[in-house]
């Protein structure tokens, strides 16, 4: 989804909460899946179903940052 909608303008980091519990705690990840958009600010968090790309874009406030679908 990141590549399709945002191209190369995104950095994605996956934190496995079982393998890296300290980092998950530092990021205040209390449930999975959790998606955190840090930039552009302010940060936004989504927890739960991440299966609807158009809804994710809207909830994350990225409408102005997506590239046109081909």
N, C-alpha and C. Protein backbone atom coordinates (compact mmCIF):
# COMPACT_ATOMS: atom_id res chain seq x y z
N UNK A 1 0.81 -1.18 0.00
CA UNK A 1 0.00 0.00 0.00
C UNK A 1 0.87 1.25 0.00
N UNK A 2 1.92 1.25 0.83
CA UNK A 2 2.79 2.44 0.89
C UNK A 2 3.39 2.73 -0.48
N UNK A 3 3.91 1.70 -1.13
CA UNK A 3 4.54 1.90 -2.44
C UNK A 3 3.52 2.34 -3.47
N UNK A 4 2.32 1.72 -3.48
CA UNK A 4 1.30 2.06 -4.46
C UNK A 4 0.81 3.49 -4.32
N UNK A 5 0.61 3.97 -3.10
CA UNK A 5 0.00 5.28 -2.90
C UNK A 5 1.00 6.39 -2.62
N UNK A 6 2.12 6.07 -2.00
CA UNK A 6 3.06 7.12 -1.59
C UNK A 6 4.40 7.05 -2.30
N UNK A 7 4.61 6.03 -3.12
CA UNK A 7 5.86 5.90 -3.85
C UNK A 7 7.04 5.75 -2.92
N UNK A 8 8.11 6.46 -3.20
CA UNK A 8 9.33 6.38 -2.40
C UNK A 8 9.36 7.41 -1.28
N UNK A 9 8.22 8.02 -0.97
CA UNK A 9 8.17 9.08 0.03
C UNK A 9 7.77 8.56 1.40
N UNK A 10 8.10 7.32 1.68
CA UNK A 10 7.68 6.72 2.94
C UNK A 10 8.78 5.81 3.47
N UNK A 11 8.93 5.81 4.78
CA UNK A 11 9.81 4.86 5.43
C UNK A 11 8.93 4.03 6.35
N UNK A 12 8.99 2.73 6.19
CA UNK A 12 8.16 1.83 6.97
C UNK A 12 9.04 1.00 7.88
N UNK A 13 8.71 0.98 9.16
CA UNK A 13 9.43 0.15 10.12
C UNK A 13 8.42 -0.78 10.78
N UNK A 14 8.73 -2.05 10.78
CA UNK A 14 7.86 -3.03 11.40
C UNK A 14 8.51 -3.46 12.72
N UNK A 15 7.73 -3.36 13.78
CA UNK A 15 8.21 -3.77 15.11
C UNK A 15 7.44 -5.02 15.52
N UNK A 16 8.14 -6.12 15.65
CA UNK A 16 7.53 -7.35 16.15
C UNK A 16 7.52 -7.25 17.67
N UNK A 17 6.33 -7.11 18.25
CA UNK A 17 6.23 -6.85 19.68
C UNK A 17 6.72 -8.03 20.51
N UNK A 18 6.74 -9.21 19.94
CA UNK A 18 7.25 -10.38 20.68
C UNK A 18 8.77 -10.41 20.68
N UNK A 19 9.38 -9.97 19.58
CA UNK A 19 10.83 -9.98 19.49
C UNK A 19 11.46 -8.71 20.05
N UNK A 20 10.74 -7.60 20.03
CA UNK A 20 11.28 -6.31 20.49
C UNK A 20 10.31 -5.63 21.45
N UNK A 21 10.00 -6.27 22.58
CA UNK A 21 9.00 -5.70 23.49
C UNK A 21 9.39 -4.34 24.07
N UNK A 22 10.68 -4.10 24.29
CA UNK A 22 11.11 -2.80 24.82
C UNK A 22 10.79 -1.67 23.84
N UNK A 23 11.05 -1.91 22.56
CA UNK A 23 10.77 -0.89 21.56
C UNK A 23 9.26 -0.68 21.41
N UNK A 24 8.50 -1.76 21.47
CA UNK A 24 7.05 -1.64 21.42
C UNK A 24 6.55 -0.82 22.61
N UNK A 25 7.11 -1.04 23.76
CA UNK A 25 6.73 -0.28 24.94
C UNK A 25 7.11 1.19 24.79
N UNK A 26 8.29 1.46 24.26
CA UNK A 26 8.73 2.85 24.04
C UNK A 26 7.80 3.58 23.09
N UNK A 27 7.28 2.87 22.09
CA UNK A 27 6.37 3.47 21.12
C UNK A 27 4.92 3.44 21.60
N UNK A 28 4.72 2.89 22.81
CA UNK A 28 3.38 2.80 23.42
C UNK A 28 2.42 2.00 22.55
N UNK A 29 2.93 0.89 22.01
CA UNK A 29 2.10 -0.02 21.23
C UNK A 29 1.47 -1.00 22.20
N UNK A 30 0.16 -0.86 22.40
CA UNK A 30 -0.56 -1.67 23.37
C UNK A 30 -1.39 -2.76 22.71
N UNK A 31 -1.66 -2.62 21.41
CA UNK A 31 -2.44 -3.61 20.67
C UNK A 31 -1.87 -3.70 19.26
N UNK A 32 -2.16 -4.81 18.60
CA UNK A 32 -1.69 -4.97 17.23
C UNK A 32 -2.86 -5.35 16.34
N UNK A 33 -2.82 -4.95 15.08
CA UNK A 33 -1.79 -4.09 14.50
C UNK A 33 -1.99 -2.63 14.88
N UNK A 34 -0.89 -1.91 14.98
CA UNK A 34 -0.88 -0.48 15.21
C UNK A 34 -0.06 0.17 14.11
N UNK A 35 -0.61 1.19 13.50
CA UNK A 35 0.09 1.95 12.47
C UNK A 35 0.27 3.36 13.00
N UNK A 36 1.51 3.83 12.99
CA UNK A 36 1.82 5.18 13.49
C UNK A 36 2.39 6.01 12.35
N UNK A 37 1.72 7.10 12.05
CA UNK A 37 2.25 8.06 11.07
C UNK A 37 2.91 9.16 11.86
N UNK A 38 4.22 9.31 11.69
CA UNK A 38 4.96 10.30 12.47
C UNK A 38 5.13 11.61 11.73
N UNK A 39 5.14 11.56 10.42
CA UNK A 39 5.36 12.75 9.63
C UNK A 39 4.50 12.68 8.37
N UNK A 40 3.91 13.71 7.90
CA UNK A 40 3.93 15.05 8.48
C UNK A 40 3.13 15.08 9.78
N UNK A 41 3.62 15.91 10.72
CA UNK A 41 2.99 16.01 12.03
C UNK A 41 1.63 16.66 11.97
N UNK A 42 0.87 16.55 12.97
CA UNK A 42 1.10 15.79 14.20
C UNK A 42 0.96 14.29 13.96
N UNK A 43 1.58 13.50 14.81
CA UNK A 43 1.54 12.04 14.67
C UNK A 43 0.11 11.55 14.80
N UNK A 44 -0.19 10.47 14.10
CA UNK A 44 -1.51 9.83 14.18
C UNK A 44 -1.30 8.34 14.35
N UNK A 45 -2.21 7.68 15.09
CA UNK A 45 -2.16 6.24 15.34
C UNK A 45 -3.47 5.60 14.92
N UNK A 46 -3.34 4.45 14.28
CA UNK A 46 -4.49 3.63 13.95
C UNK A 46 -4.25 2.26 14.55
N UNK A 47 -5.27 1.72 15.18
CA UNK A 47 -5.17 0.40 15.79
C UNK A 47 -6.30 -0.45 15.23
N UNK A 48 -5.97 -1.64 14.76
CA UNK A 48 -7.00 -2.55 14.28
C UNK A 48 -6.89 -2.82 12.80
N UNK A 49 -8.04 -2.98 12.15
CA UNK A 49 -8.12 -3.37 10.74
C UNK A 49 -7.43 -2.35 9.84
N UNK A 50 -6.44 -2.81 9.10
CA UNK A 50 -5.70 -1.94 8.17
C UNK A 50 -5.96 -2.36 6.73
N UNK A 51 -7.09 -3.02 6.48
CA UNK A 51 -7.35 -3.63 5.18
C UNK A 51 -7.98 -2.73 4.14
N UNK A 52 -8.37 -1.50 4.47
CA UNK A 52 -9.02 -0.61 3.51
C UNK A 52 -8.12 0.59 3.22
N UNK A 53 -7.32 0.51 2.14
CA UNK A 53 -6.35 1.58 1.84
C UNK A 53 -6.95 2.98 1.78
N UNK A 54 -8.10 3.15 1.12
CA UNK A 54 -8.68 4.49 1.00
C UNK A 54 -9.07 5.05 2.37
N UNK A 55 -9.58 4.20 3.24
CA UNK A 55 -9.95 4.64 4.59
C UNK A 55 -8.70 5.00 5.40
N UNK A 56 -7.64 4.19 5.26
CA UNK A 56 -6.39 4.48 5.97
C UNK A 56 -5.83 5.83 5.56
N UNK A 57 -5.84 6.10 4.27
CA UNK A 57 -5.32 7.38 3.77
C UNK A 57 -6.09 8.54 4.38
N UNK A 58 -7.41 8.40 4.44
CA UNK A 58 -8.24 9.45 5.02
C UNK A 58 -7.96 9.61 6.51
N UNK A 59 -7.94 8.50 7.26
CA UNK A 59 -7.73 8.57 8.71
C UNK A 59 -6.35 9.08 9.08
N UNK A 60 -5.36 8.80 8.23
CA UNK A 60 -4.00 9.27 8.49
C UNK A 60 -3.76 10.69 7.98
N UNK A 61 -4.75 11.24 7.29
CA UNK A 61 -4.61 12.61 6.79
C UNK A 61 -3.61 12.74 5.67
N UNK A 62 -3.52 11.72 4.82
CA UNK A 62 -2.52 11.72 3.75
C UNK A 62 -3.10 12.00 2.37
N UNK A 63 -4.33 12.49 2.30
CA UNK A 63 -4.97 12.71 1.00
C UNK A 63 -4.13 13.60 0.09
N UNK A 64 -3.49 14.61 0.64
CA UNK A 64 -2.71 15.55 -0.15
C UNK A 64 -1.33 15.01 -0.52
N UNK A 65 -0.98 13.83 -0.02
CA UNK A 65 0.35 13.29 -0.23
C UNK A 65 0.37 12.05 -1.13
N UNK A 66 -0.79 11.56 -1.53
CA UNK A 66 -0.80 10.36 -2.35
C UNK A 66 -0.55 10.71 -3.79
N UNK A 67 0.04 9.78 -4.50
CA UNK A 67 0.23 9.98 -5.92
C UNK A 67 -0.96 9.38 -6.65
N UNK A 68 -1.30 9.90 -7.82
CA UNK A 68 -2.47 9.41 -8.55
C UNK A 68 -2.34 7.92 -8.88
N UNK A 69 -3.46 7.22 -8.80
CA UNK A 69 -3.47 5.79 -9.18
C UNK A 69 -3.33 5.69 -10.69
N UNK A 70 -2.65 4.63 -11.11
CA UNK A 70 -2.44 4.44 -12.55
C UNK A 70 -3.31 3.34 -13.07
